[in-house]
Amino acid sequence: MEKLVIQGGKALSGTIPISGAKNAALPLMCTCLLTSEPVTLTNLPRLADITTLSDLLNHLGVTVTIAGGRRKNLQGRSLTFDGHDIHDTVAPYDMVRKMRASILVLGALVARMGEATVSLPGGCAIGNRPIDLHLKALEAIGATIELEHGYVRASAPNGLSGGTVRFPFVSVGATENILMAAALAKGKTTIENAAREPEIADLAKCLNAMGAKISGAGSETITIEGVANLKGTSHEVMPDRIEAGSYAVAALMTGGDVFLKGARAHDMQAALDTLVEAGGIVEVEATGVRVRSSGEIHGFNIVTHPFPGFPTDMQAQFMALAAIADGASVITEAIFENRFMHVPELSRMGADIAINGASATIRGVKDLVGAEVMATDLRASMGLALAGLVASGETTINRLYHLDRGYEHLEEKLRQVGAAVERLPS
């Protein structure tokens, strides 16, 4: 076990390279299950979730080849996934329990192999995230679904047939799963009320390069004309809009000036708009986004929504910002019902936060105080790190495995812009 020790009070200044997006990389990795030819992904971040899914794919029969530097290079690396010899269609509990995104192998496996058995998934404990939308969508395009002893078994011995999938509410994972499955279905599939996140468009771009016929990705309606086979390809993973947003908040909180190299403003517009409302100065440049402080932080109100609304994955980071704002802020979590677990830890650092149902009222305080805190989930851990950057004294964050699931080289990136951050054994 390791811990992160932060000495607060340093203004951040300089350039932070933005890594490839974890939330884009994971479904992109699963595309290798749809073809017998190699799929090469560049700009892949070095994250625990990438390793977990690589291990699962290898278990299924995928050969994973790594190129590029292993540790010191802060830029992404290149991995080639060769799924020509899929010899197992069972994703076991011991591997799937570590990460909810493991369910994404289900659609690709049943589409290509005619069957798949996948354990019910794990992941961050941030609320009820059922997979029933994934299963009903697969049934709508011809799969037979059975649940037994904690496993999902999907079968389509004669192939998937296509159909109309209408999601009752937006689900990124379910949209990704059916997008991959429908690419090899025999007919046309229409996804209505599809997720519009940039990661969906990135997945569709990769699948189309493999020979899929997908239109409308990034809108509420996606159409897929199934093809008989897909080929290999090389694809660059899009930049991580959540990582970029997190460091943007760090720049404002510390009174700094940070250039987010590779960040795409149009992928994170809702977060940038709120940052400007709170007092940040945002400048969009050709190769990234610069965020600097105006010297003031104002209170703000946000409600989390699916893209293009304010992302739930940025809620904890903006709560840390609100904790030192001049005035009160209200944050309403409309996506997950259990995503305020970081509030008691922020309160240990002196934050003034009151929760009423799905809303939190944060009254800004002049100073936060360093303390020993515990990360409860991936984004909560980043919220605590941001609070530690401005708190007086020393902040120690335990349970770093949460951070390592989603932030590549966190301490190195923060140190290169002036933060006093160190990773130590617990």
Protein backbone atom coordinates (compact mmCIF):
# COMPACT_ATOMS: atom_id res chain seq x y z
CA MET A 1 0.00 0.00 0.00
CA GLU A 2 1.15 3.53 -0.79
CA LYS A 3 0.13 7.03 0.22
CA LEU A 4 0.39 10.48 -1.34
CA VAL A 5 1.88 13.24 0.80
CA ILE A 6 1.21 16.83 -0.29
CA GLN A 7 2.64 20.04 1.15
CA GLY A 8 0.09 22.70 0.29
CA GLY A 9 0.47 26.32 -0.68
CA LYS A 10 2.38 26.12 -3.98
CA ALA A 11 1.02 27.98 -7.02
CA LEU A 12 1.17 25.74 -10.07
CA SER A 13 2.85 27.09 -13.20
CA GLY A 14 3.96 25.38 -16.39
CA THR A 15 2.80 22.71 -18.80
CA ILE A 16 1.02 19.43 -18.05
CA PRO A 17 0.73 16.90 -20.91
CA ILE A 18 -2.73 15.34 -20.97
CA SER A 19 -2.80 11.57 -21.21
CA GLY A 20 -5.02 9.39 -23.35
CA ALA A 21 -8.51 9.01 -21.92
CA LYS A 22 -9.10 5.99 -19.71
CA ASN A 23 -12.82 6.06 -20.49
CA ALA A 24 -12.05 5.93 -24.21
CA ALA A 25 -9.18 3.44 -24.00
CA LEU A 26 -11.10 0.66 -22.26
CA PRO A 27 -13.82 0.14 -24.92
CA LEU A 28 -11.21 0.68 -27.65
CA MET A 29 -9.20 -2.20 -26.23
CA CYS A 30 -12.24 -4.47 -26.51
CA THR A 31 -12.48 -3.88 -30.27
CA CYS A 32 -9.69 -6.43 -30.71
CA LEU A 33 -12.24 -9.13 -29.85
CA LEU A 34 -14.16 -8.27 -33.03
CA THR A 35 -11.39 -9.12 -35.49
CA SER A 36 -8.72 -11.71 -36.18
CA GLU A 37 -6.30 -8.96 -37.20
CA PRO A 38 -4.16 -6.86 -34.81
CA VAL A 39 -5.48 -3.59 -33.37
CA THR A 40 -2.83 -1.07 -32.30
CA LEU A 41 -3.76 1.71 -29.88
CA THR A 42 -1.44 4.65 -29.35
CA ASN A 43 -1.51 7.25 -26.57
CA LEU A 44 -2.65 4.61 -24.09
CA PRO A 45 -2.21 5.78 -20.49
CA ARG A 46 -0.31 3.72 -17.93
CA LEU A 47 -3.15 3.00 -15.51
CA ALA A 48 -4.22 0.14 -13.29
CA ASP A 49 -7.49 -0.24 -15.25
CA ILE A 50 -5.56 -0.62 -18.53
CA THR A 51 -3.49 -3.39 -16.95
CA THR A 52 -6.58 -5.10 -15.52
CA LEU A 53 -8.36 -5.17 -18.87
CA SER A 54 -5.16 -6.26 -20.68
CA ASP A 55 -4.94 -9.21 -18.29
CA LEU A 56 -8.57 -10.13 -18.98
CA LEU A 57 -8.09 -9.91 -22.75
CA ASN A 58 -4.98 -12.06 -22.47
CA HIS A 59 -6.99 -14.63 -20.52
CA LEU A 60 -9.48 -14.78 -23.39
CA GLY A 61 -6.67 -15.42 -25.88
CA VAL A 62 -5.56 -11.96 -26.97
CA THR A 63 -1.82 -11.43 -27.35
CA VAL A 64 -0.80 -8.01 -25.99
CA THR A 65 2.45 -6.46 -27.22
CA ILE A 66 3.82 -3.31 -25.59
CA ALA A 67 5.95 -0.68 -27.34
CA GLY A 68 7.31 2.61 -26.07
CA GLY A 69 8.83 3.68 -22.75
CA ARG A 70 7.66 2.00 -19.59
CA ARG A 71 7.82 4.60 -16.79
CA LYS A 72 9.67 7.89 -17.14
CA ASN A 73 8.03 9.14 -20.33
CA LEU A 74 4.90 11.08 -19.39
CA GLN A 75 3.41 10.57 -22.85
CA GLY A 76 1.25 7.57 -23.72
CA ARG A 77 2.52 4.26 -24.99
CA SER A 78 1.49 1.96 -27.82
CA LEU A 79 -0.08 -1.48 -27.35
CA THR A 80 -1.02 -3.98 -30.02
CA PHE A 81 -3.87 -6.41 -29.31
CA ASP A 82 -3.97 -9.53 -31.48
CA GLY A 83 -7.20 -11.49 -31.06
CA HIS A 84 -6.80 -13.98 -33.90
CA ASP A 85 -6.95 -16.91 -31.44
CA ILE A 86 -9.78 -16.39 -28.94
CA HIS A 87 -9.71 -19.65 -27.00
CA ASP A 88 -11.93 -18.76 -24.04
CA THR A 89 -15.24 -16.91 -23.86
CA VAL A 90 -15.52 -16.83 -20.06
CA ALA A 91 -14.54 -13.69 -18.14
CA PRO A 92 -14.14 -14.95 -14.55
CA TYR A 93 -15.13 -13.22 -11.34
CA ASP A 94 -11.58 -12.84 -10.01
CA MET A 95 -10.70 -10.66 -13.00
CA VAL A 96 -13.97 -8.82 -13.64
CA ARG A 97 -14.61 -7.84 -10.01
CA LYS A 98 -11.77 -5.28 -10.13
CA MET A 99 -13.35 -3.08 -12.80
CA ARG A 100 -16.87 -2.42 -14.05
CA ALA A 101 -15.69 -1.76 -17.61
CA SER A 102 -14.95 -5.48 -17.93
CA ILE A 103 -18.58 -5.91 -18.95
CA LEU A 104 -17.58 -4.36 -22.30
CA VAL A 105 -16.14 -7.70 -23.45
CA LEU A 106 -19.66 -9.15 -23.45
CA GLY A 107 -21.00 -7.58 -26.65
CA ALA A 108 -17.82 -8.06 -28.66
CA LEU A 109 -17.44 -11.72 -27.66
CA VAL A 110 -21.00 -12.75 -28.41
CA ALA A 111 -20.89 -10.88 -31.74
CA ARG A 112 -17.77 -12.67 -32.97
CA MET A 113 -17.78 -15.99 -31.10
CA GLY A 114 -21.53 -16.55 -30.75
CA GLU A 115 -21.32 -16.83 -26.96
CA ALA A 116 -19.91 -15.10 -23.90
CA THR A 117 -20.04 -15.72 -20.16
CA VAL A 118 -19.07 -12.73 -18.02
CA SER A 119 -19.14 -12.29 -14.27
CA LEU A 120 -21.24 -9.45 -12.92
CA PRO A 121 -18.74 -6.56 -12.65
CA GLY A 122 -17.19 -4.51 -9.85
CA GLY A 123 -15.62 -1.04 -9.78
CA CYS A 124 -16.00 2.10 -7.69
CA ALA A 125 -18.73 1.96 -5.03
CA ILE A 126 -20.44 5.18 -6.15
CA GLY A 127 -23.98 3.90 -6.44
CA ASN A 128 -26.24 1.51 -8.25
CA ARG A 129 -25.05 0.99 -11.82
CA PRO A 130 -27.05 -1.97 -13.12
CA ILE A 131 -26.13 -3.72 -16.35
CA ASP A 132 -29.73 -4.51 -17.29
CA LEU A 133 -29.56 -1.92 -20.10
CA HIS A 134 -26.63 -3.82 -21.63
CA LEU A 135 -28.53 -7.11 -21.47
CA LYS A 136 -31.84 -5.81 -22.83
CA ALA A 137 -30.01 -4.12 -25.69
CA LEU A 138 -28.25 -7.36 -26.63
CA GLU A 139 -31.58 -9.20 -26.51
CA ALA A 140 -33.03 -6.57 -28.84
CA ILE A 141 -30.48 -7.52 -31.52
CA GLY A 142 -30.88 -11.26 -31.19
CA ALA A 143 -28.88 -12.50 -28.19
CA THR A 144 -30.28 -14.92 -25.64
CA ILE A 145 -29.42 -13.88 -22.08
CA GLU A 146 -29.24 -16.07 -18.99
CA LEU A 147 -28.20 -15.13 -15.44
CA GLU A 148 -26.79 -17.84 -13.19
CA HIS A 149 -24.53 -17.92 -10.12
CA GLY A 150 -23.36 -14.32 -10.57
CA TYR A 151 -22.58 -14.71 -14.27
CA VAL A 152 -24.21 -13.42 -17.43
CA ARG A 153 -24.33 -15.82 -20.35
CA ALA A 154 -25.11 -14.37 -23.76
CA SER A 155 -25.52 -16.59 -26.79
CA ALA A 156 -26.24 -16.07 -30.47
CA PRO A 157 -25.11 -19.26 -32.24
CA ASN A 158 -26.45 -18.05 -35.59
CA GLY A 159 -25.13 -14.52 -35.14
CA LEU A 160 -26.76 -11.29 -34.03
CA SER A 161 -29.56 -9.97 -36.19
CA GLY A 162 -29.76 -6.24 -35.60
CA GLY A 163 -32.79 -4.32 -34.36
CA THR A 164 -33.89 -1.16 -32.57
CA VAL A 165 -32.50 -0.35 -29.14
CA ARG A 166 -34.22 2.39 -27.17
CA PHE A 167 -32.51 3.24 -23.89
CA PRO A 168 -34.87 4.55 -21.17
CA PHE A 169 -31.99 6.68 -19.90
CA VAL A 170 -28.54 7.47 -21.17
CA SER A 171 -25.86 4.87 -20.48
CA VAL A 172 -22.32 5.27 -21.81
CA GLY A 173 -21.30 1.67 -21.16
CA ALA A 174 -24.45 0.18 -22.66
CA THR A 175 -24.10 2.37 -25.75
CA GLU A 176 -20.49 1.19 -26.17
CA ASN A 177 -21.38 -2.46 -25.68
CA ILE A 178 -24.19 -2.47 -28.24
CA LEU A 179 -22.11 -0.37 -30.66
CA MET A 180 -19.45 -3.08 -30.76
CA ALA A 181 -21.92 -5.97 -30.87
CA ALA A 182 -24.02 -4.44 -33.64
CA ALA A 183 -20.96 -3.85 -35.82
CA LEU A 184 -20.97 -7.58 -36.67
CA ALA A 185 -24.75 -8.13 -36.65
CA LYS A 186 -26.39 -9.33 -39.86
CA GLY A 187 -28.79 -6.43 -40.14
CA LYS A 188 -29.26 -2.78 -39.28
CA THR A 189 -29.26 -1.58 -35.67
CA THR A 190 -30.58 1.76 -34.49
CA ILE A 191 -29.66 3.03 -31.03
CA GLU A 192 -32.07 5.66 -29.72
CA ASN A 193 -31.28 7.87 -26.71
CA ALA A 194 -27.64 6.91 -27.17
CA ALA A 195 -24.91 8.42 -25.02
CA ARG A 196 -23.29 11.44 -26.71
CA GLU A 197 -19.97 11.48 -24.88
CA PRO A 198 -16.81 12.16 -26.95
CA GLU A 199 -15.60 8.68 -26.00
CA ILE A 200 -18.53 7.21 -27.97
CA ALA A 201 -17.47 9.11 -31.08
CA ASP A 202 -13.87 7.98 -30.56
CA LEU A 203 -14.99 4.33 -30.39
CA ALA A 204 -17.10 4.71 -33.54
CA LYS A 205 -14.15 6.33 -35.35
CA CYS A 206 -11.98 3.32 -34.53
CA LEU A 207 -14.68 0.80 -35.52
CA ASN A 208 -15.25 2.58 -38.83
CA ALA A 209 -11.52 2.41 -39.51
CA MET A 210 -11.87 -1.35 -38.95
CA GLY A 211 -14.57 -1.53 -41.61
CA ALA A 212 -17.74 -0.94 -39.58
CA LYS A 213 -20.57 1.18 -40.96
CA ILE A 214 -21.59 3.50 -38.14
CA SER A 215 -23.22 6.90 -38.48
CA GLY A 216 -24.54 9.39 -35.94
CA ALA A 217 -22.06 8.71 -33.14
CA GLY A 218 -22.04 11.72 -30.84
CA SER A 219 -25.77 12.29 -31.36
CA GLU A 220 -28.83 10.78 -29.70
CA THR A 221 -29.40 8.36 -32.58
CA ILE A 222 -26.72 6.01 -33.88
CA THR A 223 -27.19 3.74 -36.88
CA ILE A 224 -25.05 0.65 -37.47
CA GLU A 225 -25.14 -1.40 -40.65
CA GLY A 226 -23.71 -4.77 -39.66
CA VAL A 227 -20.81 -6.20 -41.67
CA ALA A 228 -19.52 -9.76 -41.96
CA ASN A 229 -15.95 -9.06 -40.86
CA LEU A 230 -13.81 -6.33 -39.37
CA LYS A 231 -10.11 -5.75 -40.02
CA GLY A 232 -7.30 -4.51 -37.83
CA THR A 233 -6.32 -0.86 -37.52
CA SER A 234 -4.18 1.66 -35.67
CA HIS A 235 -5.95 4.30 -33.61
CA GLU A 236 -4.83 7.13 -31.32
CA VAL A 237 -6.76 7.37 -28.06
CA MET A 238 -8.37 10.77 -27.52
CA PRO A 239 -7.05 13.04 -24.70
CA ASP A 240 -8.59 12.60 -21.26
CA ARG A 241 -11.09 15.40 -20.70
CA ILE A 242 -11.52 14.47 -17.01
CA GLU A 243 -7.79 14.56 -16.31
CA ALA A 244 -7.57 17.89 -18.15
CA GLY A 245 -10.50 19.28 -16.18
CA SER A 246 -8.94 18.15 -12.91
CA TYR A 247 -5.67 19.97 -13.60
CA ALA A 248 -7.63 23.01 -14.79
CA VAL A 249 -9.27 23.16 -11.35
CA ALA A 250 -5.83 22.81 -9.76
CA ALA A 251 -4.60 25.85 -11.68
CA LEU A 252 -7.44 28.04 -10.41
CA MET A 253 -7.37 26.72 -6.84
CA THR A 254 -3.64 27.38 -6.42
CA GLY A 255 -3.68 30.79 -8.11
CA GLY A 256 -1.55 29.38 -10.89
CA ASP A 257 -1.12 29.37 -14.66
CA VAL A 258 -1.10 25.96 -16.36
CA PHE A 259 -1.09 24.94 -20.02
CA LEU A 260 -2.92 21.65 -20.58
CA LYS A 261 -1.07 20.26 -23.57
CA GLY A 262 -3.32 18.22 -25.84
CA ALA A 263 -6.58 19.08 -24.06
CA ARG A 264 -9.59 19.65 -26.34
CA ALA A 265 -11.86 22.44 -25.14
CA HIS A 266 -14.93 21.19 -27.01
CA ASP A 267 -14.78 17.90 -25.06
CA MET A 268 -14.91 19.70 -21.69
CA GLN A 269 -16.90 22.85 -22.39
CA ALA A 270 -19.32 22.51 -19.45
CA ALA A 271 -16.46 22.22 -16.97
CA LEU A 272 -14.59 25.14 -18.56
CA ASP A 273 -17.73 27.31 -18.50
CA THR A 274 -18.12 26.67 -14.77
CA LEU A 275 -14.43 27.36 -14.23
CA VAL A 276 -14.84 30.78 -15.88
CA GLU A 277 -17.94 31.45 -13.76
CA ALA A 278 -15.84 30.66 -10.68
CA GLY A 279 -13.16 33.16 -11.69
CA GLY A 280 -10.79 31.23 -13.92
CA ILE A 281 -9.34 32.61 -17.14
CA VAL A 282 -9.47 30.08 -19.97
CA GLU A 283 -7.58 30.51 -23.25
CA VAL A 284 -8.06 27.94 -26.01
CA GLU A 285 -4.92 27.46 -28.10
CA ALA A 286 -4.14 25.30 -31.11
CA THR A 287 -2.37 22.61 -29.09
CA GLY A 288 -4.25 22.74 -25.82
CA VAL A 289 -5.97 24.88 -23.21
CA ARG A 290 -4.40 27.39 -20.82
CA VAL A 291 -6.05 28.01 -17.45
CA ARG A 292 -4.95 30.73 -15.06
CA SER A 293 -6.28 32.46 -12.00
CA SER A 294 -7.84 35.90 -11.94
CA GLY A 295 -6.98 36.13 -8.24
CA GLU A 296 -10.56 35.41 -7.14
CA ILE A 297 -12.73 32.33 -6.74
CA HIS A 298 -16.51 32.83 -6.74
CA GLY A 299 -19.26 30.46 -5.68
CA PHE A 300 -21.18 28.57 -8.40
CA ASN A 301 -24.03 26.12 -8.88
CA ILE A 302 -23.84 22.92 -10.92
CA VAL A 303 -26.03 19.91 -11.65
CA THR A 304 -24.40 16.82 -13.13
CA HIS A 305 -25.85 15.56 -16.41
CA PRO A 306 -24.80 13.29 -19.27
CA PHE A 307 -22.70 14.95 -21.97
CA PRO A 308 -22.86 17.76 -23.03
CA GLY A 309 -23.91 18.60 -19.48
CA PHE A 310 -21.61 18.93 -16.49
CA PRO A 311 -19.84 15.57 -16.00
CA THR A 312 -20.37 13.58 -12.82
CA ASP A 313 -16.69 12.63 -13.01
CA MET A 314 -15.80 16.29 -12.29
CA GLN A 315 -18.17 16.78 -9.36
CA ALA A 316 -15.69 15.96 -6.57
CA GLN A 317 -12.99 18.19 -8.06
CA PHE A 318 -15.33 21.17 -8.28
CA MET A 319 -16.48 20.53 -4.72
CA ALA A 320 -12.87 20.99 -3.63
CA LEU A 321 -12.85 24.27 -5.58
CA ALA A 322 -16.11 25.37 -3.95
CA ALA A 323 -14.62 24.67 -0.52
CA ILE A 324 -12.32 27.70 -0.87
CA ALA A 325 -14.62 29.95 -2.95
CA ASP A 326 -15.85 33.34 -1.80
CA GLY A 327 -19.50 32.61 -1.03
CA ALA A 328 -21.74 29.56 -1.24
CA SER A 329 -22.03 26.95 -3.97
CA VAL A 330 -24.63 24.24 -4.58
CA ILE A 331 -23.71 20.99 -6.30
CA THR A 332 -26.46 18.54 -7.25
CA GLU A 333 -25.52 14.99 -8.22
CA ALA A 334 -28.14 13.75 -10.69
CA ILE A 335 -26.27 10.71 -12.05
CA PHE A 336 -25.17 8.54 -9.10
CA GLU A 337 -26.92 8.38 -5.75
CA ASN A 338 -23.83 7.66 -3.64
CA ARG A 339 -21.20 10.04 -4.94
CA PHE A 340 -20.74 12.34 -1.95
CA MET A 341 -18.48 9.96 -0.04
CA HIS A 342 -15.63 12.48 -0.25
CA VAL A 343 -17.59 15.02 1.82
CA PRO A 344 -16.56 13.66 5.27
CA GLU A 345 -12.91 13.64 4.16
CA LEU A 346 -13.07 17.22 2.86
CA SER A 347 -14.75 18.19 6.12
CA ARG A 348 -11.75 16.76 8.00
CA MET A 349 -9.71 19.37 6.17
CA GLY A 350 -12.00 22.20 7.30
CA ALA A 351 -14.51 22.36 4.45
CA ASP A 352 -18.02 23.55 5.34
CA ILE A 353 -20.38 21.23 3.49
CA ALA A 354 -24.00 20.33 4.20
CA ILE A 355 -25.77 17.55 2.32
CA ASN A 356 -29.51 17.54 1.66
CA GLY A 357 -30.48 14.53 -0.44
CA ALA A 358 -28.82 14.76 -3.82
CA SER A 359 -27.52 18.29 -3.23
CA ALA A 360 -24.56 19.63 -1.30
CA THR A 361 -24.25 23.23 -0.15
CA ILE A 362 -20.64 24.32 0.21
CA ARG A 363 -19.78 27.52 2.02
CA GLY A 364 -16.28 28.57 1.13
CA VAL A 365 -13.73 28.91 3.90
CA LYS A 366 -10.60 31.05 3.94
CA ASP A 367 -8.23 28.16 4.53
CA LEU A 368 -8.24 24.40 4.40
CA VAL A 369 -5.98 22.51 6.78
CA GLY A 370 -3.86 19.49 5.89
CA ALA A 371 -5.01 16.17 7.36
CA GLU A 372 -4.78 12.43 6.86
CA VAL A 373 -7.64 11.39 4.59
CA MET A 374 -8.84 8.29 2.78
CA ALA A 375 -9.78 8.06 -0.90
CA THR A 376 -13.20 6.47 -1.36
CA ASP A 377 -13.31 6.29 -5.17
CA LEU A 378 -11.37 7.43 -8.22
CA ARG A 379 -12.67 10.98 -8.66
CA ALA A 380 -13.06 11.57 -4.91
CA SER A 381 -9.36 10.85 -4.51
CA MET A 382 -8.54 13.60 -7.01
CA GLY A 383 -10.80 16.00 -5.16
CA LEU A 384 -8.81 15.32 -1.99
CA ALA A 385 -5.52 15.83 -3.85
CA LEU A 386 -6.74 19.22 -5.08
CA ALA A 387 -7.71 20.21 -1.55
CA GLY A 388 -4.27 19.13 -0.38
CA LEU A 389 -2.60 21.43 -2.90
CA VAL A 390 -4.08 24.51 -1.19
CA ALA A 391 -4.34 23.30 2.41
CA SER A 392 -1.92 24.62 5.00
CA GLY A 393 0.54 22.01 6.21
CA GLU A 394 0.67 18.38 5.12
CA THR A 395 -2.08 16.26 3.61
CA THR A 396 -1.75 12.48 3.41
CA ILE A 397 -4.05 10.56 1.07
CA ASN A 398 -4.42 6.83 1.65
CA ARG A 399 -5.81 4.16 -0.71
CA LEU A 400 -3.87 5.36 -3.72
CA TYR A 401 -5.08 2.44 -5.82
CA HIS A 402 -8.15 4.53 -6.60
CA LEU A 403 -6.03 7.34 -8.07
CA ASP A 404 -3.91 4.87 -9.99
CA ARG A 405 -6.99 3.64 -11.80
CA GLY A 406 -7.49 6.95 -13.57
CA TYR A 407 -4.56 9.39 -13.32
CA GLU A 408 -1.30 8.61 -15.09
CA HIS A 409 1.90 9.82 -13.36
CA LEU A 410 -0.09 12.14 -11.07
CA GLU A 411 2.74 13.12 -8.75
CA GLU A 412 5.25 13.57 -11.60
CA LYS A 413 2.88 15.84 -13.51
CA LEU A 414 2.10 17.92 -10.44
CA ARG A 415 5.76 18.20 -9.45
CA GLN A 416 6.77 19.49 -12.87
CA VAL A 417 4.45 22.49 -12.39
CA GLY A 418 5.68 23.25 -8.89
CA ALA A 419 3.65 21.13 -6.48
CA ALA A 420 5.28 19.49 -3.45
CA VAL A 421 3.94 15.95 -3.84
CA GLU A 422 5.53 12.64 -2.90
CA ARG A 423 4.43 9.01 -3.09
CA LEU A 424 5.52 6.99 -0.07
CA PRO A 425 4.92 3.50 1.31
CA SER A 426 2.18 3.38 3.94
